[in-house]
């Protein structure tokens, strides 16, 4: 099936689901009620990409296509804009912001592409320059992603550590401040832990590593090792409890040494 035929089939399915003869649950949904699903499916897609599982990636991208189409169609039903409007707008934007591909503009590298992109937003699209460079970073991003994006924006002005040593020194400084904040109230401790997390994210950015991607890998690794501990404790007839921490820790290290876990 061709892409246009596949999308038309999806569109018709969404129209049917939202019709009086369709699904009661789908008819009850609104753009607001689908916000959580949109976030959840995005992260599930990221997980599939991390796993490099093509079949899973195709499935999760399909879920995202569905949500984007469903939310667009909800606005179409209200007469605000059509699904076609949304598709046309992004296509027009892509062409307008890539004059080096669809026009005669010459660029030497991706950095110049981004500079042109920013200029086009102001000069051709009439968007007013922000009061601050950081205003371009969406407040709707999850905290870790927003911290990463804020740091990247600031670094473009030269406001950045000259080398890795400065970043690591900052992490050590913030960790020391966390230790000093212990016992002085959760509000102060929360602030210092936030500073520490921000500094660690800065180190991720320094090496061009997405913090959420790195943390997802660690989450998977932790879960796999913990499940191994659970399995071994069950096999040996021992209970998962604080008193057996040394035993559990031994199995944890065993899982760690296995390499593949």
C-alpha atoms as a PDB file:
ATOM      1  CA  UNK A   1       0.000   0.000   0.000  1.00  0.00           C
ATOM      2  CA  UNK A   2       1.279   3.464  -0.896  1.00  0.00           C
ATOM      3  CA  UNK A   3       1.806   6.056   1.907  1.00  0.00           C
ATOM      4  CA  UNK A   4      -1.109   8.234   0.773  1.00  0.00           C
ATOM      5  CA  UNK A   5      -3.421   5.227   0.583  1.00  0.00           C
ATOM      6  CA  UNK A   6      -2.303   4.046   4.037  1.00  0.00           C
ATOM      7  CA  UNK A   7      -2.898   7.479   5.562  1.00  0.00           C
ATOM      8  CA  UNK A   8      -6.318   7.792   3.927  1.00  0.00           C
ATOM      9  CA  UNK A   9      -7.248   4.396   5.382  1.00  0.00           C
ATOM     10  CA  UNK A  10      -6.143   5.564   8.847  1.00  0.00           C
ATOM     11  CA  UNK A  11      -8.070   8.810   8.452  1.00  0.00           C
ATOM     12  CA  UNK A  12     -11.242   6.972   7.476  1.00  0.00           C
ATOM     13  CA  UNK A  13     -10.849   4.655  10.470  1.00  0.00           C
ATOM     14  CA  UNK A  14     -10.538   7.652  12.805  1.00  0.00           C
ATOM     15  CA  UNK A  15     -13.613   9.266  11.227  1.00  0.00           C
ATOM     16  CA  UNK A  16     -15.570   6.039  11.780  1.00  0.00           C
ATOM     17  CA  UNK A  17     -14.419   5.724  15.396  1.00  0.00           C
ATOM     18  CA  UNK A  18     -15.515   9.303  16.132  1.00  0.00           C
ATOM     19  CA  UNK A  19     -18.877   8.940  14.366  1.00  0.00           C
ATOM     20  CA  UNK A  20     -22.216   8.246  16.122  1.00  0.00           C
ATOM     21  CA  UNK A  21     -21.894   4.670  14.854  1.00  0.00           C
ATOM     22  CA  UNK A  22     -18.341   4.417  16.142  1.00  0.00           C
ATOM     23  CA  UNK A  23     -16.748   3.712  19.531  1.00  0.00           C
ATOM     24  CA  UNK A  24     -18.206   5.333  22.686  1.00  0.00           C
ATOM     25  CA  UNK A  25     -14.743   5.615  24.246  1.00  0.00           C
ATOM     26  CA  UNK A  26     -13.199   7.293  21.193  1.00  0.00           C
ATOM     27  CA  UNK A  27     -16.112   9.715  20.932  1.00  0.00           C
ATOM     28  CA  UNK A  28     -15.633  10.759  24.569  1.00  0.00           C
ATOM     29  CA  UNK A  29     -11.983  11.694  24.113  1.00  0.00           C
ATOM     30  CA  UNK A  30     -10.714  15.259  23.712  1.00  0.00           C
ATOM     31  CA  UNK A  31      -7.278  16.679  22.918  1.00  0.00           C
ATOM     32  CA  UNK A  32      -6.809  17.227  26.660  1.00  0.00           C
ATOM     33  CA  UNK A  33      -7.671  13.643  27.613  1.00  0.00           C
ATOM     34  CA  UNK A  34      -5.184  12.312  25.053  1.00  0.00           C
ATOM     35  CA  UNK A  35      -2.232  14.351  26.323  1.00  0.00           C
ATOM     36  CA  UNK A  36      -1.079  11.596  28.647  1.00  0.00           C
ATOM     37  CA  UNK A  37      -1.336   8.984  25.916  1.00  0.00           C
ATOM     38  CA  UNK A  38       0.692  11.194  23.581  1.00  0.00           C
ATOM     39  CA  UNK A  39       3.513  11.423  26.127  1.00  0.00           C
ATOM     40  CA  UNK A  40       3.348   7.719  26.965  1.00  0.00           C
ATOM     41  CA  UNK A  41       3.402   6.608  23.327  1.00  0.00           C
ATOM     42  CA  UNK A  42       6.320   8.944  22.597  1.00  0.00           C
ATOM     43  CA  UNK A  43       8.398   7.309  25.309  1.00  0.00           C
ATOM     44  CA  UNK A  44       7.362   3.843  24.148  1.00  0.00           C
ATOM     45  CA  UNK A  45       8.569   4.795  20.685  1.00  0.00           C
ATOM     46  CA  UNK A  46      11.873   5.995  22.127  1.00  0.00           C
ATOM     47  CA  UNK A  47      12.231   2.676  23.933  1.00  0.00           C
ATOM     48  CA  UNK A  48      11.656   0.788  20.679  1.00  0.00           C
ATOM     49  CA  UNK A  49      14.296   2.927  18.950  1.00  0.00           C
ATOM     50  CA  UNK A  50      16.762   2.192  21.768  1.00  0.00           C
ATOM     51  CA  UNK A  51      16.072  -1.529  21.293  1.00  0.00           C
ATOM     52  CA  UNK A  52      16.651  -1.151  17.530  1.00  0.00           C
ATOM     53  CA  UNK A  53      13.608  -3.358  16.980  1.00  0.00           C
ATOM     54  CA  UNK A  54      12.191  -2.398  13.573  1.00  0.00           C
ATOM     55  CA  UNK A  55       8.859  -4.162  14.044  1.00  0.00           C
ATOM     56  CA  UNK A  56       8.371  -2.525  17.455  1.00  0.00           C
ATOM     57  CA  UNK A  57       9.396   0.885  16.095  1.00  0.00           C
ATOM     58  CA  UNK A  58       6.846   0.578  13.269  1.00  0.00           C
ATOM     59  CA  UNK A  59       4.137  -0.328  15.786  1.00  0.00           C
ATOM     60  CA  UNK A  60       4.925   2.573  18.123  1.00  0.00           C
ATOM     61  CA  UNK A  61       5.193   5.095  15.278  1.00  0.00           C
ATOM     62  CA  UNK A  62       1.783   3.854  14.167  1.00  0.00           C
ATOM     63  CA  UNK A  63       0.425   4.661  17.627  1.00  0.00           C
ATOM     64  CA  UNK A  64       1.848   8.188  17.322  1.00  0.00           C
ATOM     65  CA  UNK A  65       0.346   8.609  13.849  1.00  0.00           C
ATOM     66  CA  UNK A  66      -2.999   7.546  15.288  1.00  0.00           C
ATOM     67  CA  UNK A  67      -2.872  10.068  18.130  1.00  0.00           C
ATOM     68  CA  UNK A  68      -1.732  12.907  15.855  1.00  0.00           C
ATOM     69  CA  UNK A  69      -4.515  12.089  13.395  1.00  0.00           C
ATOM     70  CA  UNK A  70      -7.122  11.664  16.123  1.00  0.00           C
ATOM     71  CA  UNK A  71      -6.282  14.978  17.808  1.00  0.00           C
ATOM     72  CA  UNK A  72      -6.205  16.789  14.448  1.00  0.00           C
ATOM     73  CA  UNK A  73      -9.557  15.300  13.486  1.00  0.00           C
ATOM     74  CA  UNK A  74     -11.086  16.438  16.769  1.00  0.00           C
ATOM     75  CA  UNK A  75     -10.234  20.005  15.767  1.00  0.00           C
ATOM     76  CA  UNK A  76     -11.586  19.339  12.292  1.00  0.00           C
ATOM     77  CA  UNK A  77     -14.891  18.266  13.833  1.00  0.00           C
ATOM     78  CA  UNK A  78     -15.043  21.589  15.685  1.00  0.00           C
ATOM     79  CA  UNK A  79     -14.305  23.518  12.487  1.00  0.00           C
ATOM     80  CA  UNK A  80     -11.041  24.950  13.845  1.00  0.00           C
ATOM     81  CA  UNK A  81      -8.719  23.393  11.274  1.00  0.00           C
ATOM     82  CA  UNK A  82      -8.632  20.212   9.233  1.00  0.00           C
ATOM     83  CA  UNK A  83      -6.221  17.294   9.276  1.00  0.00           C
ATOM     84  CA  UNK A  84      -5.173  18.421   5.795  1.00  0.00           C
ATOM     85  CA  UNK A  85      -4.451  21.921   7.176  1.00  0.00           C
ATOM     86  CA  UNK A  86      -2.027  20.479   9.734  1.00  0.00           C
ATOM     87  CA  UNK A  87      -0.252  18.390   7.080  1.00  0.00           C
ATOM     88  CA  UNK A  88      -0.059  21.273   4.616  1.00  0.00           C
ATOM     89  CA  UNK A  89       1.310  23.638   7.252  1.00  0.00           C
ATOM     90  CA  UNK A  90       4.182  21.342   8.222  1.00  0.00           C
ATOM     91  CA  UNK A  91       4.989  20.629   4.576  1.00  0.00           C
ATOM     92  CA  UNK A  92       5.052  24.337   3.743  1.00  0.00           C
ATOM     93  CA  UNK A  93       7.202  25.025   6.802  1.00  0.00           C
ATOM     94  CA  UNK A  94       9.715  22.337   5.834  1.00  0.00           C
ATOM     95  CA  UNK A  95      10.071  23.757   2.326  1.00  0.00           C
ATOM     96  CA  UNK A  96      10.287  27.349   3.590  1.00  0.00           C
ATOM     97  CA  UNK A  97      12.922  26.527   6.195  1.00  0.00           C
ATOM     98  CA  UNK A  98      15.088  24.479   3.827  1.00  0.00           C
ATOM     99  CA  UNK A  99      15.983  26.984   1.092  1.00  0.00           C
ATOM    100  CA  UNK A 100      19.289  25.126   0.661  1.00  0.00           C
ATOM    101  CA  UNK A 101      17.266  22.104  -0.510  1.00  0.00           C
ATOM    102  CA  UNK A 102      14.233  23.670  -2.230  1.00  0.00           C
ATOM    103  CA  UNK A 103      15.857  26.975  -3.218  1.00  0.00           C
ATOM    104  CA  UNK A 104      19.225  28.354  -4.248  1.00  0.00           C
ATOM    105  CA  UNK A 105      20.699  29.114  -0.826  1.00  0.00           C
ATOM    106  CA  UNK A 106      24.113  27.566  -0.143  1.00  0.00           C
ATOM    107  CA  UNK A 107      25.180  26.318   3.282  1.00  0.00           C
ATOM    108  CA  UNK A 108      28.504  24.928   4.452  1.00  0.00           C
ATOM    109  CA  UNK A 109      27.331  22.826   7.405  1.00  0.00           C
ATOM    110  CA  UNK A 110      24.450  21.916   9.728  1.00  0.00           C
ATOM    111  CA  UNK A 111      25.280  24.841  12.043  1.00  0.00           C
ATOM    112  CA  UNK A 112      24.551  27.276   9.222  1.00  0.00           C
ATOM    113  CA  UNK A 113      21.318  25.404   8.502  1.00  0.00           C
ATOM    114  CA  UNK A 114      20.193  26.060  12.081  1.00  0.00           C
ATOM    115  CA  UNK A 115      21.193  29.726  11.858  1.00  0.00           C
ATOM    116  CA  UNK A 116      19.148  30.125   8.675  1.00  0.00           C
ATOM    117  CA  UNK A 117      16.231  28.298  10.311  1.00  0.00           C
ATOM    118  CA  UNK A 118      16.218  30.803  13.171  1.00  0.00           C
ATOM    119  CA  UNK A 119      16.462  33.785  10.801  1.00  0.00           C
ATOM    120  CA  UNK A 120      13.609  32.515   8.604  1.00  0.00           C
ATOM    121  CA  UNK A 121      11.330  32.232  11.639  1.00  0.00           C
ATOM    122  CA  UNK A 122      11.793  35.967  12.266  1.00  0.00           C
ATOM    123  CA  UNK A 123      12.269  37.440   8.776  1.00  0.00           C
ATOM    124  CA  UNK A 124       9.837  35.355   6.707  1.00  0.00           C
ATOM    125  CA  UNK A 125       7.354  34.063   9.263  1.00  0.00           C
ATOM    126  CA  UNK A 126       7.086  37.286  11.222  1.00  0.00           C
ATOM    127  CA  UNK A 127       7.829  35.724  14.568  1.00  0.00           C
ATOM    128  CA  UNK A 128       9.022  38.296  17.060  1.00  0.00           C
ATOM    129  CA  UNK A 129      12.471  37.782  18.536  1.00  0.00           C
ATOM    130  CA  UNK A 130      12.257  36.459  22.074  1.00  0.00           C
ATOM    131  CA  UNK A 131      13.246  38.594  25.038  1.00  0.00           C
ATOM    132  CA  UNK A 132      15.673  35.813  25.920  1.00  0.00           C
ATOM    133  CA  UNK A 133      17.281  33.057  23.890  1.00  0.00           C
ATOM    134  CA  UNK A 134      15.960  30.649  26.505  1.00  0.00           C
ATOM    135  CA  UNK A 135      12.357  31.617  25.692  1.00  0.00           C
ATOM    136  CA  UNK A 136      12.626  29.309  22.674  1.00  0.00           C
ATOM    137  CA  UNK A 137      12.771  26.313  25.014  1.00  0.00           C
ATOM    138  CA  UNK A 138       9.284  24.968  25.659  1.00  0.00           C
ATOM    139  CA  UNK A 139       8.087  25.025  29.246  1.00  0.00           C
ATOM    140  CA  UNK A 140       6.104  21.897  28.468  1.00  0.00           C
ATOM    141  CA  UNK A 141       9.163  19.692  28.142  1.00  0.00           C
ATOM    142  CA  UNK A 142       9.837  17.147  30.901  1.00  0.00           C
ATOM    143  CA  UNK A 143      12.367  18.593  33.410  1.00  0.00           C
ATOM    144  CA  UNK A 144      15.396  16.574  32.252  1.00  0.00           C
ATOM    145  CA  UNK A 145      14.808  17.370  28.578  1.00  0.00           C
ATOM    146  CA  UNK A 146      14.198  21.043  29.365  1.00  0.00           C
ATOM    147  CA  UNK A 147      17.397  21.294  31.416  1.00  0.00           C
ATOM    148  CA  UNK A 148      19.318  19.770  28.501  1.00  0.00           C
ATOM    149  CA  UNK A 149      17.702  22.160  26.002  1.00  0.00           C
ATOM    150  CA  UNK A 150      18.298  25.220  28.224  1.00  0.00           C
ATOM    151  CA  UNK A 151      21.967  24.329  28.551  1.00  0.00           C
ATOM    152  CA  UNK A 152      22.340  23.844  24.795  1.00  0.00           C
ATOM    153  CA  UNK A 153      20.789  27.252  24.132  1.00  0.00           C
ATOM    154  CA  UNK A 154      23.032  28.970  26.684  1.00  0.00           C
ATOM    155  CA  UNK A 155      26.121  27.233  25.285  1.00  0.00           C
ATOM    156  CA  UNK A 156      25.439  28.782  21.860  1.00  0.00           C
ATOM    157  CA  UNK A 157      26.330  32.188  23.336  1.00  0.00           C
ATOM    158  CA  UNK A 158      29.636  30.872  24.676  1.00  0.00           C
ATOM    159  CA  UNK A 159      28.216  30.505  28.183  1.00  0.00           C
ATOM    160  CA  UNK A 160      29.692  27.057  28.701  1.00  0.00           C
ATOM    161  CA  UNK A 161      32.441  25.153  30.445  1.00  0.00           C
ATOM    162  CA  UNK A 162      35.717  25.247  28.497  1.00  0.00           C
ATOM    163  CA  UNK A 163      36.409  21.570  29.157  1.00  0.00           C
ATOM    164  CA  UNK A 164      35.137  18.428  30.884  1.00  0.00           C
ATOM    165  CA  UNK A 165      37.161  19.095  34.039  1.00  0.00           C
ATOM    166  CA  UNK A 166      35.056  22.131  34.887  1.00  0.00           C
ATOM    167  CA  UNK A 167      31.824  20.160  34.532  1.00  0.00           C
ATOM    168  CA  UNK A 168      33.058  17.329  36.736  1.00  0.00           C
ATOM    169  CA  UNK A 169      34.321  19.801  39.337  1.00  0.00           C
ATOM    170  CA  UNK A 170      30.851  21.376  39.377  1.00  0.00           C
ATOM    171  CA  UNK A 171      29.245  17.963  39.967  1.00  0.00           C
ATOM    172  CA  UNK A 172      31.582  17.324  42.896  1.00  0.00           C
ATOM    173  CA  UNK A 173      30.793  20.802  44.281  1.00  0.00           C
ATOM    174  CA  UNK A 174      27.050  20.205  44.011  1.00  0.00           C
ATOM    175  CA  UNK A 175      27.347  16.754  45.608  1.00  0.00           C
ATOM    176  CA  UNK A 176      29.177  18.320  48.553  1.00  0.00           C
ATOM    177  CA  UNK A 177      26.386  20.882  48.905  1.00  0.00           C
ATOM    178  CA  UNK A 178      23.817  18.068  48.917  1.00  0.00           C
ATOM    179  CA  UNK A 179      25.685  16.378  51.769  1.00  0.00           C
ATOM    180  CA  UNK A 180      25.743  19.661  53.695  1.00  0.00           C
ATOM    181  CA  UNK A 181      21.992  20.128  53.112  1.00  0.00           C
ATOM    182  CA  UNK A 182      21.050  16.763  54.628  1.00  0.00           C
ATOM    183  CA  UNK A 183      19.154  17.321  57.860  1.00  0.00           C
ATOM    184  CA  UNK A 184      18.455  20.989  57.115  1.00  0.00           C
ATOM    185  CA  UNK A 185      14.958  20.532  55.741  1.00  0.00           C
ATOM    186  CA  UNK A 186      13.621  18.934  52.586  1.00  0.00           C
ATOM    187  CA  UNK A 187      13.073  22.239  50.809  1.00  0.00           C
ATOM    188  CA  UNK A 188      16.776  23.079  50.889  1.00  0.00           C
ATOM    189  CA  UNK A 189      17.741  19.490  50.100  1.00  0.00           C
ATOM    190  CA  UNK A 190      15.373  19.441  47.134  1.00  0.00           C
ATOM    191  CA  UNK A 191      17.016  22.576  45.768  1.00  0.00           C
ATOM    192  CA  UNK A 192      20.519  21.137  46.124  1.00  0.00           C
ATOM    193  CA  UNK A 193      19.513  17.811  44.569  1.00  0.00           C
ATOM    194  CA  UNK A 194      18.062  19.762  41.649  1.00  0.00           C
ATOM    195  CA  UNK A 195      21.382  21.564  41.235  1.00  0.00           C
ATOM    196  CA  UNK A 196      23.210  18.221  41.279  1.00  0.00           C
ATOM    197  CA  UNK A 197      20.901  16.723  38.650  1.00  0.00           C
ATOM    198  CA  UNK A 198      21.309  19.848  36.510  1.00  0.00           C
ATOM    199  CA  UNK A 199      25.099  19.519  36.718  1.00  0.00           C
ATOM    200  CA  UNK A 200      24.988  15.832  35.750  1.00  0.00           C
ATOM    201  CA  UNK A 201      22.763  16.693  32.784  1.00  0.00           C
ATOM    202  CA  UNK A 202      25.373  19.271  31.821  1.00  0.00           C
ATOM    203  CA  UNK A 203      27.973  16.513  31.673  1.00  0.00           C
ATOM    204  CA  UNK A 204      25.648  14.503  29.432  1.00  0.00           C
ATOM    205  CA  UNK A 205      25.305  17.511  27.139  1.00  0.00           C
ATOM    206  CA  UNK A 206      29.073  17.998  27.099  1.00  0.00           C
ATOM    207  CA  UNK A 207      29.409  14.541  25.542  1.00  0.00           C
ATOM    208  CA  UNK A 208      26.271  14.977  23.371  1.00  0.00           C
ATOM    209  CA  UNK A 209      24.448  12.222  25.260  1.00  0.00           C
ATOM    210  CA  UNK A 210      20.709  12.665  25.790  1.00  0.00           C
ATOM    211  CA  UNK A 211      20.182  12.329  29.582  1.00  0.00           C
ATOM    212  CA  UNK A 212      16.797  10.636  29.252  1.00  0.00           C
ATOM    213  CA  UNK A 213      18.222   8.074  26.833  1.00  0.00           C
ATOM    214  CA  UNK A 214      21.077   7.330  29.224  1.00  0.00           C
ATOM    215  CA  UNK A 215      18.671   7.052  32.159  1.00  0.00           C
ATOM    216  CA  UNK A 216      16.354   4.748  30.221  1.00  0.00           C
ATOM    217  CA  UNK A 217      19.279   2.385  29.630  1.00  0.00           C
ATOM    218  CA  UNK A 218      20.070   2.402  33.334  1.00  0.00           C
ATOM    219  CA  UNK A 219      16.420   1.769  34.199  1.00  0.00           C
ATOM    220  CA  UNK A 220      16.406  -1.312  31.975  1.00  0.00           C
ATOM    221  CA  UNK A 221      19.692  -2.506  33.453  1.00  0.00           C
ATOM    222  CA  UNK A 222      18.439  -2.032  37.016  1.00  0.00           C
ATOM    223  CA  UNK A 223      15.196  -3.863  36.282  1.00  0.00           C
ATOM    224  CA  UNK A 224      17.018  -6.800  34.662  1.00  0.00           C
ATOM    225  CA  UNK A 225      19.436  -7.164  37.561  1.00  0.00           C
ATOM    226  CA  UNK A 226      16.705  -6.840  40.189  1.00  0.00           C
ATOM    227  CA  UNK A 227      14.650  -9.510  38.438  1.00  0.00           C
ATOM    228  CA  UNK A 228      17.726 -11.755  38.524  1.00  0.00           C
ATOM    229  CA  UNK A 229      18.010 -11.200  42.277  1.00  0.00           C
ATOM    230  CA  UNK A 230      14.314 -12.022  42.704  1.00  0.00           C
ATOM    231  CA  UNK A 231      14.730 -15.193  40.672  1.00  0.00           C
ATOM    232  CA  UNK A 232      17.774 -16.413  42.653  1.00  0.00           C
ATOM    233  CA  UNK A 233      16.144 -15.632  45.999  1.00  0.00           C
ATOM    234  CA  UNK A 234      13.053 -17.583  44.968  1.00  0.00           C
ATOM    235  CA  UNK A 235      15.171 -20.525  43.756  1.00  0.00           C
ATOM    236  CA  UNK A 236      17.004 -20.682  47.109  1.00  0.00           C
ATOM    237  CA  UNK A 237      13.827 -20.253  49.140  1.00  0.00           C
ATOM    238  CA  UNK A 238      14.875 -16.945  50.693  1.00  0.00           C
ATOM    239  CA  UNK A 239      12.681 -13.935  51.333  1.00  0.00           C
ATOM    240  CA  UNK A 240      13.244 -10.533  49.765  1.00  0.00           C
ATOM    241  CA  UNK A 241      13.675  -8.434  52.911  1.00  0.00           C
ATOM    242  CA  UNK A 242      16.110  -6.032  54.546  1.00  0.00           C
ATOM    243  CA  UNK A 243      17.608  -8.727  56.764  1.00  0.00           C
ATOM    244  CA  UNK A 244      18.766 -10.587  53.635  1.00  0.00           C
ATOM    245  CA  UNK A 245      20.367  -7.561  52.018  1.00  0.00           C
ATOM    246  CA  UNK A 246      23.870  -9.092  51.974  1.00  0.00           C
ATOM    247  CA  UNK A 247      22.560 -12.149  50.147  1.00  0.00           C
ATOM    248  CA  UNK A 248      20.610 -10.034  47.672  1.00  0.00           C
ATOM    249  CA  UNK A 249      23.647  -7.833  47.121  1.00  0.00           C
ATOM    250  CA  UNK A 250      25.682 -10.930  46.343  1.00  0.00           C
ATOM    251  CA  UNK A 251      23.227 -11.980  43.643  1.00  0.00           C
ATOM    252  CA  UNK A 252      23.206  -8.398  42.338  1.00  0.00           C
ATOM    253  CA  UNK A 253      26.971  -8.515  41.917  1.00  0.00           C
ATOM    254  CA  UNK A 254      26.626 -11.910  40.299  1.00  0.00           C
ATOM    255  CA  UNK A 255      24.225 -10.431  37.760  1.00  0.00           C
ATOM    256  CA  UNK A 256      26.558  -7.494  37.222  1.00  0.00           C
ATOM    257  CA  UNK A 257      29.544  -9.766  36.535  1.00  0.00           C
ATOM    258  CA  UNK A 258      27.500 -11.735  34.006  1.00  0.00           C
ATOM    259  CA  UNK A 259      28.009  -8.814  31.674  1.00  0.00           C
ATOM    260  CA  UNK A 260      24.943  -9.367  29.538  1.00  0.00           C
ATOM    261  CA  UNK A 261      22.631  -8.452  32.446  1.00  0.00           C
END
